[in-house]
Amino acid sequence: MPEEALPAGDGDRLEVLAVLAKDIKRQHDAIAAVDPIEAIEFMFEGKGCTHANPEPLAGGRGRVSEVLARKRALSITMIRELPQRLSMPPEVLVAPYDLRLKPPSASQRSKYLVASKARVSRKQAA
């Protein structure tokens, strides 16, 4: 719609709304770029929690430690409860993040191979 067709002052309002929409999008994109584990640790510090005292997280100390060490992904329960307990936006917790998973050891791989070969031979025998 050309500006001449707008009533007086509506062009300015439209421009202000466009600037506000761009600002909201920029803020939303910044939230999505936050690492969920870093955000949890930041909120932990603000609430005075430690790894030894993980009250705001669902699960025991071992599970919390694994999540914060990136050995285990956040559970659905944690994603549901943390925004309320730590006063943080839920969008932060569903962002993708890297886990530091160890590759299986040689003995674990050989156990898996033996077990899978046994399953195959049982199926073939049946």
Protein backbone atom coordinates (compact mmCIF):
# COMPACT_ATOMS: atom_id res chain seq x y z
CA MET A 1 0.00 0.00 0.00
CA PRO A 2 1.55 3.35 -0.98
CA GLU A 3 2.16 5.82 1.82
CA GLU A 4 0.02 8.50 0.14
CA ALA A 5 -3.06 6.29 0.60
CA LEU A 6 -2.52 5.99 4.37
CA PRO A 7 -4.21 8.44 6.73
CA ALA A 8 -1.94 10.95 8.43
CA GLY A 9 0.32 9.33 11.06
CA ASP A 10 -0.34 5.73 9.96
CA GLY A 11 2.88 5.63 7.93
CA ASP A 12 4.86 6.42 11.07
CA ARG A 13 3.01 3.73 13.03
CA LEU A 14 3.72 1.20 10.32
CA GLU A 15 7.41 2.07 10.39
CA VAL A 16 7.53 1.74 14.20
CA LEU A 17 5.77 -1.64 14.02
CA ALA A 18 8.26 -2.86 11.41
CA VAL A 19 11.19 -1.83 13.63
CA LEU A 20 9.60 -3.56 16.65
CA ALA A 21 8.98 -6.75 14.65
CA LYS A 22 12.62 -6.85 13.52
CA ASP A 23 13.79 -6.31 17.12
CA ILE A 24 11.58 -9.13 18.45
CA LYS A 25 12.88 -11.49 15.75
CA ARG A 26 16.48 -10.56 16.59
CA GLN A 27 15.87 -11.25 20.29
CA HIS A 28 14.19 -14.57 19.52
CA ASP A 29 17.09 -15.65 17.30
CA ALA A 30 19.53 -14.74 20.08
CA ILE A 31 17.65 -16.97 22.54
CA ALA A 32 17.74 -19.88 20.10
CA ALA A 33 21.54 -19.55 19.80
CA VAL A 34 22.13 -20.16 23.52
CA ASP A 35 23.55 -23.55 24.52
CA PRO A 36 21.06 -25.28 26.87
CA ILE A 37 23.72 -26.66 29.24
CA GLU A 38 25.49 -23.30 29.51
CA ALA A 39 22.12 -21.64 30.21
CA ILE A 40 21.34 -24.16 32.98
CA GLU A 41 24.76 -23.65 34.56
CA PHE A 42 24.30 -19.86 34.40
CA MET A 43 20.89 -20.10 36.07
CA PHE A 44 22.32 -22.54 38.65
CA GLU A 45 24.90 -19.94 39.66
CA GLY A 46 22.22 -17.27 39.95
CA LYS A 47 20.10 -19.49 42.23
CA GLY A 48 23.09 -20.54 44.35
CA CYS A 49 22.90 -24.19 43.28
CA THR A 50 25.90 -26.42 42.72
CA HIS A 51 26.54 -29.79 41.11
CA ALA A 52 26.49 -31.28 44.60
CA ASN A 53 23.14 -29.62 45.37
CA PRO A 54 21.07 -29.97 42.16
CA GLU A 55 17.65 -29.34 43.70
CA PRO A 56 16.12 -27.60 40.68
CA LEU A 57 16.83 -30.52 38.33
CA ALA A 58 14.66 -33.59 38.09
CA GLY A 59 16.61 -36.79 38.74
CA GLY A 60 19.35 -37.73 41.15
CA ARG A 61 22.81 -36.23 41.51
CA GLY A 62 24.30 -38.81 39.14
CA ARG A 63 21.86 -37.99 36.37
CA VAL A 64 22.29 -34.25 36.85
CA SER A 65 26.06 -34.65 36.77
CA GLU A 66 25.83 -36.63 33.52
CA VAL A 67 23.60 -33.99 31.91
CA LEU A 68 25.85 -31.11 32.95
CA ALA A 69 28.93 -33.05 31.77
CA ARG A 70 27.12 -33.60 28.44
CA LYS A 71 27.19 -37.38 28.83
CA ARG A 72 23.39 -37.59 28.86
CA ALA A 73 20.77 -35.52 27.06
CA LEU A 74 18.14 -33.54 28.93
CA SER A 75 15.07 -35.68 29.59
CA ILE A 76 11.56 -34.58 28.64
CA THR A 77 10.80 -34.22 32.36
CA MET A 78 13.77 -31.90 32.84
CA ILE A 79 12.79 -29.84 29.80
CA ARG A 80 9.27 -29.47 31.21
CA GLU A 81 10.29 -28.63 34.79
CA LEU A 82 13.41 -26.49 34.40
CA PRO A 83 11.81 -23.38 32.89
CA GLN A 84 9.57 -23.01 35.95
CA ARG A 85 12.21 -23.95 38.53
CA LEU A 86 15.01 -21.82 37.07
CA SER A 87 12.86 -19.00 35.63
CA MET A 88 14.16 -19.39 32.10
CA PRO A 89 12.51 -19.51 28.67
CA PRO A 90 11.65 -23.08 27.60
CA GLU A 91 12.89 -22.40 24.04
CA VAL A 92 16.46 -22.44 25.36
CA LEU A 93 16.23 -26.06 26.51
CA VAL A 94 15.04 -27.52 23.22
CA ALA A 95 17.90 -26.08 21.18
CA PRO A 96 20.32 -28.69 19.82
CA TYR A 97 23.62 -29.15 21.64
CA ASP A 98 26.57 -31.52 21.50
CA LEU A 99 27.00 -34.49 23.78
CA ARG A 100 30.42 -35.84 24.68
CA LEU A 101 29.71 -39.51 24.23
CA LYS A 102 32.56 -41.98 24.44
CA PRO A 103 32.88 -44.49 21.62
CA PRO A 104 32.41 -48.09 22.76
CA SER A 105 35.56 -49.88 23.89
CA ALA A 106 36.97 -52.85 21.97
CA SER A 107 35.52 -55.31 24.52
CA GLN A 108 32.08 -53.68 24.28
CA ARG A 109 32.21 -53.92 20.47
CA SER A 110 33.23 -57.59 20.57
CA LYS A 111 30.42 -58.40 23.06
CA TYR A 112 27.94 -56.69 20.74
CA LEU A 113 29.24 -58.63 17.72
CA VAL A 114 29.05 -61.98 19.55
CA ALA A 115 25.51 -61.24 20.75
CA SER A 116 24.32 -60.12 17.31
CA LYS A 117 25.87 -63.21 15.62
CA ALA A 118 24.09 -65.42 18.18
CA ARG A 119 20.76 -63.74 17.36
CA VAL A 120 21.32 -64.23 13.64
CA SER A 121 22.17 -67.91 14.04
CA ARG A 122 19.10 -68.47 16.27
CA LYS A 123 16.89 -66.86 13.62
CA GLN A 124 18.43 -68.98 10.89
CA ALA A 125 17.94 -72.14 12.96
CA ALA A 126 14.26 -71.38 13.53
